[in-house]
Amino acid sequence: MGGMTEPRDARSALNLRLVFASFGLILSLPLAVWAAFAGWVVPAILLGVLALIALVDLFVIQHRRRQRYHEEPKGTHHSLFE
C-alpha cells in the first residue's frame, strides 16, 4: 500500500474557495441578523459563527493568493478552478 497518492506540490483552487467563502458570508450574515431580529437566538448564533468562519477564510485565501502571486512567474493567470 505504501506510496503517496498526492503530488508534493498540490495546491487548492483558491479562486473557487474565494467564491464559496464569499457566498457563505453573503448568505449567512444577513440571515444571522434576520434571525436575531426575529428572536431566534440559537440560529442567529450559529449563522453568526458561520459568517465569522467565512470571513476568516476570506483573509486566509487572500494571504495565500498573495503568496502564490509572489512565487509564480510574472504573467501567470489562473482560471476559477486553479
Protein backbone atom coordinates (compact mmCIF):
# COMPACT_ATOMS: atom_id res chain seq x y z
CA MET A 1 0.00 0.00 0.00
CA GLY A 2 2.83 2.37 0.95
CA GLY A 3 3.07 5.11 -1.75
CA MET A 4 1.82 8.68 -1.64
CA THR A 5 -1.30 9.40 -3.64
CA GLU A 6 -0.98 13.20 -3.87
CA PRO A 7 1.74 15.26 -5.52
CA ARG A 8 4.06 17.10 -3.16
CA ASP A 9 3.18 20.47 -4.66
CA ALA A 10 -0.62 20.06 -4.67
CA ARG A 11 -2.47 23.36 -4.37
CA SER A 12 -6.05 24.17 -3.58
CA ALA A 13 -8.29 26.02 -6.01
CA LEU A 14 -8.01 29.38 -4.26
CA ASN A 15 -10.23 31.26 -6.68
CA LEU A 16 -13.01 28.73 -6.26
CA ARG A 17 -12.56 28.80 -2.47
CA LEU A 18 -12.84 32.60 -2.68
CA VAL A 19 -16.18 32.29 -4.47
CA PHE A 20 -17.53 29.76 -1.95
CA ALA A 21 -16.35 31.74 1.10
CA SER A 22 -17.86 34.94 -0.34
CA PHE A 23 -21.14 33.16 -0.99
CA GLY A 24 -21.13 31.79 2.56
CA LEU A 25 -20.54 35.23 4.04
CA ILE A 26 -23.10 36.96 1.82
CA LEU A 27 -25.71 34.34 2.68
CA SER A 28 -25.07 33.71 6.38
CA LEU A 29 -24.54 37.26 7.65
CA PRO A 30 -27.93 38.70 6.61
CA LEU A 31 -29.64 35.52 7.76
CA ALA A 32 -27.93 35.81 11.15
CA VAL A 33 -29.12 39.40 11.51
CA TRP A 34 -32.62 38.45 10.42
CA ALA A 35 -32.72 35.52 12.87
CA ALA A 36 -31.51 37.79 15.69
CA PHE A 37 -34.26 40.33 15.00
CA ALA A 38 -36.82 37.53 14.78
CA GLY A 39 -35.82 36.40 18.25
CA TRP A 40 -34.27 33.10 17.21
CA VAL A 41 -31.15 33.11 19.35
CA VAL A 42 -29.60 29.73 18.54
CA PRO A 43 -29.92 30.02 14.72
CA ALA A 44 -28.62 33.59 14.92
CA ILE A 45 -25.55 32.45 16.87
CA LEU A 46 -24.90 29.51 14.54
CA LEU A 47 -25.24 31.66 11.44
CA GLY A 48 -23.05 34.33 13.02
CA VAL A 49 -20.35 31.77 13.71
CA LEU A 50 -20.64 30.54 10.13
CA ALA A 51 -20.27 34.11 8.85
CA LEU A 52 -17.21 34.61 11.06
CA ILE A 53 -15.64 31.41 9.72
CA ALA A 54 -16.28 32.55 6.14
CA LEU A 55 -14.72 35.95 6.90
CA VAL A 56 -11.60 34.38 8.40
CA ASP A 57 -11.40 32.02 5.42
CA LEU A 58 -11.51 35.02 3.06
CA PHE A 59 -8.48 36.53 4.82
CA VAL A 60 -6.60 33.22 4.68
CA ILE A 61 -7.40 32.81 0.98
CA GLN A 62 -6.22 36.33 0.17
CA HIS A 63 -2.99 35.74 2.09
CA ARG A 64 -2.34 32.52 0.18
CA ARG A 65 -3.20 34.17 -3.15
CA ARG A 66 -0.63 36.90 -2.43
CA GLN A 67 1.96 34.27 -1.54
CA ARG A 68 1.25 32.35 -4.74
CA TYR A 69 1.41 35.57 -6.79
CA HIS A 70 4.92 36.30 -5.49
CA GLU A 71 6.11 32.71 -6.05
CA GLU A 72 4.96 32.34 -9.66
CA PRO A 73 6.48 33.93 -12.75
CA LYS A 74 5.02 37.22 -13.97
CA GLY A 75 2.11 36.92 -16.36
CA THR A 76 0.73 33.69 -14.87
CA HIS A 77 -3.07 33.73 -14.86
CA HIS A 78 -5.44 31.30 -13.20
CA SER A 79 -8.92 30.23 -14.10
CA LEU A 80 -11.62 29.87 -11.45
CA PHE A 81 -10.66 26.23 -10.85
CA GLU A 82 -6.88 26.67 -10.46
